[in-house]
Amino acid sequence: MIKNDGSGVRITYHSKERANERLSVKNTREFQRRVDLAFTRGKRAEDLNRSLDRKYLANRSTEDREAVAFNGVCYIFDRETALCVTVFALPHAFGRKYTKGKRRIPVFRGEWETVA
């Protein structure tokens, strides 16, 4: 779990630039609001039920970084300082069920592609 002293989540210049590039969020306040919501309401690997989603976030988490999924975006936070390091869009199949009604939804079972 991420330690936070209650002063809020900070963002890096790199994460702000990636949000502008990948999410088309140009306003710093809007991005700060999204990061705060992701930190408090986002799903971590241990919160997910589906094994593929859990494995995807666990592979992006390290001992000093934690991946959080929120609203179709993966936020990478530093565990010690609660600092948002970078952001990128989640894969299309993330969070989808295997079946929807009678129609089967194809699920990608290979290696997930990393957005650079």
Protein backbone atom coordinates (compact mmCIF):
# COMPACT_ATOMS: atom_id res chain seq x y z
CA MET A 1 0.00 0.00 0.00
CA ILE A 2 1.13 3.54 -0.69
CA LYS A 3 2.06 5.74 2.24
CA ASN A 4 0.53 9.21 2.14
CA ASP A 5 0.92 11.94 4.74
CA GLY A 6 -2.39 13.57 3.80
CA SER A 7 -0.88 16.43 1.83
CA GLY A 8 -2.23 15.10 -1.46
CA VAL A 9 -0.71 13.39 -4.43
CA ARG A 10 1.96 15.23 -6.35
CA ILE A 11 2.65 14.93 -10.08
CA THR A 12 5.94 14.95 -11.94
CA TYR A 13 6.79 16.92 -15.05
CA HIS A 14 7.10 13.61 -16.91
CA SER A 15 3.60 12.48 -15.91
CA LYS A 16 2.17 15.86 -16.92
CA GLU A 17 3.84 15.59 -20.34
CA ARG A 18 2.61 11.98 -20.81
CA ALA A 19 -0.94 13.03 -19.88
CA ASN A 20 -0.76 15.77 -22.49
CA GLU A 21 0.61 13.36 -25.09
CA ARG A 22 -1.41 10.19 -24.38
CA LEU A 23 -4.63 11.46 -22.78
CA SER A 24 -4.90 14.95 -24.33
CA VAL A 25 -5.11 16.57 -20.90
CA LYS A 26 -3.46 19.96 -21.22
CA ASN A 27 -4.76 21.62 -18.05
CA THR A 28 -2.60 20.91 -15.00
CA ARG A 29 -5.47 21.32 -12.54
CA GLU A 30 -7.62 18.85 -14.47
CA PHE A 31 -4.79 16.33 -14.48
CA GLN A 32 -4.17 16.88 -10.75
CA ARG A 33 -7.88 16.23 -10.09
CA ARG A 34 -7.74 13.00 -12.12
CA VAL A 35 -4.62 11.84 -10.27
CA ASP A 36 -6.23 12.54 -6.88
CA LEU A 37 -9.33 10.56 -7.89
CA ALA A 38 -7.21 7.70 -9.21
CA PHE A 39 -5.21 7.58 -5.99
CA THR A 40 -8.30 7.41 -3.77
CA ARG A 41 -10.79 5.48 -5.94
CA GLY A 42 -8.56 3.50 -8.32
CA LYS A 43 -8.19 -0.27 -8.39
CA ARG A 44 -4.92 -1.89 -7.43
CA ALA A 45 -3.86 -5.41 -8.45
CA GLU A 46 -5.13 -7.01 -5.23
CA ASP A 47 -8.57 -5.38 -5.70
CA LEU A 48 -9.27 -7.03 -9.07
CA ASN A 49 -11.15 -10.30 -9.53
CA ARG A 50 -10.14 -11.20 -13.06
CA SER A 51 -6.73 -12.89 -13.19
CA LEU A 52 -5.60 -11.28 -16.45
CA ASP A 53 -6.30 -7.79 -15.15
CA ARG A 54 -4.66 -8.57 -11.82
CA LYS A 55 -1.59 -9.97 -13.58
CA TYR A 56 -1.39 -6.94 -15.89
CA LEU A 57 -1.26 -4.50 -12.96
CA ALA A 58 1.02 -6.75 -10.92
CA ASN A 59 3.53 -6.88 -13.79
CA ARG A 60 3.66 -3.09 -13.89
CA SER A 61 4.07 -2.79 -10.13
CA THR A 62 7.49 -3.09 -8.53
CA GLU A 63 8.66 -2.92 -4.93
CA ASP A 64 8.89 0.88 -5.10
CA ARG A 65 6.13 1.62 -7.67
CA GLU A 66 2.43 0.70 -7.72
CA ALA A 67 0.12 0.56 -10.74
CA VAL A 68 -3.43 1.82 -10.25
CA ALA A 69 -6.22 1.46 -12.83
CA PHE A 70 -8.87 4.16 -12.97
CA ASN A 71 -11.23 5.18 -15.75
CA GLY A 72 -9.37 3.42 -18.57
CA VAL A 73 -5.96 4.79 -17.56
CA CYS A 74 -3.08 3.21 -15.64
CA TYR A 75 -1.38 5.55 -13.16
CA ILE A 76 2.03 4.61 -11.77
CA PHE A 77 2.62 5.92 -8.23
CA ASP A 78 5.72 5.88 -6.06
CA ARG A 79 4.95 3.91 -2.89
CA GLU A 80 7.00 6.07 -0.51
CA THR A 81 6.07 9.59 -1.61
CA ALA A 82 2.67 9.07 -3.33
CA LEU A 83 4.11 10.76 -6.41
CA CYS A 84 2.49 10.11 -9.81
CA VAL A 85 5.38 9.00 -12.01
CA THR A 86 3.68 8.31 -15.35
CA VAL A 87 0.34 7.50 -16.99
CA PHE A 88 -0.75 5.44 -19.99
CA ALA A 89 -3.96 4.06 -21.44
CA LEU A 90 -5.07 0.57 -20.47
CA PRO A 91 -5.55 -2.13 -23.13
CA HIS A 92 -8.99 -2.36 -24.72
CA ALA A 93 -9.75 -5.79 -23.18
CA PHE A 94 -8.89 -4.64 -19.63
CA GLY A 95 -11.86 -5.05 -17.29
CA ARG A 96 -14.12 -6.69 -19.87
CA LYS A 97 -16.00 -9.85 -19.11
CA TYR A 98 -15.44 -13.02 -21.09
CA THR A 99 -19.03 -13.16 -22.35
CA LYS A 100 -21.67 -10.55 -22.89
CA GLY A 101 -25.08 -12.09 -23.39
CA LYS A 102 -24.83 -14.96 -25.86
CA ARG A 103 -21.94 -13.42 -27.77
CA ARG A 104 -18.43 -14.37 -26.71
CA ILE A 105 -15.97 -11.49 -26.44
CA PRO A 106 -12.44 -12.36 -27.59
CA VAL A 107 -9.88 -11.97 -24.83
CA PHE A 108 -6.20 -11.45 -25.54
CA ARG A 109 -4.23 -14.23 -23.81
CA GLY A 110 -0.69 -13.43 -24.99
CA GLU A 111 1.78 -10.91 -23.71
CA TRP A 112 0.41 -7.43 -23.10
CA GLU A 113 1.98 -4.75 -25.21
CA THR A 114 3.72 -1.99 -23.27
CA VAL A 115 3.08 1.57 -24.35
CA ALA A 116 6.42 3.36 -24.55
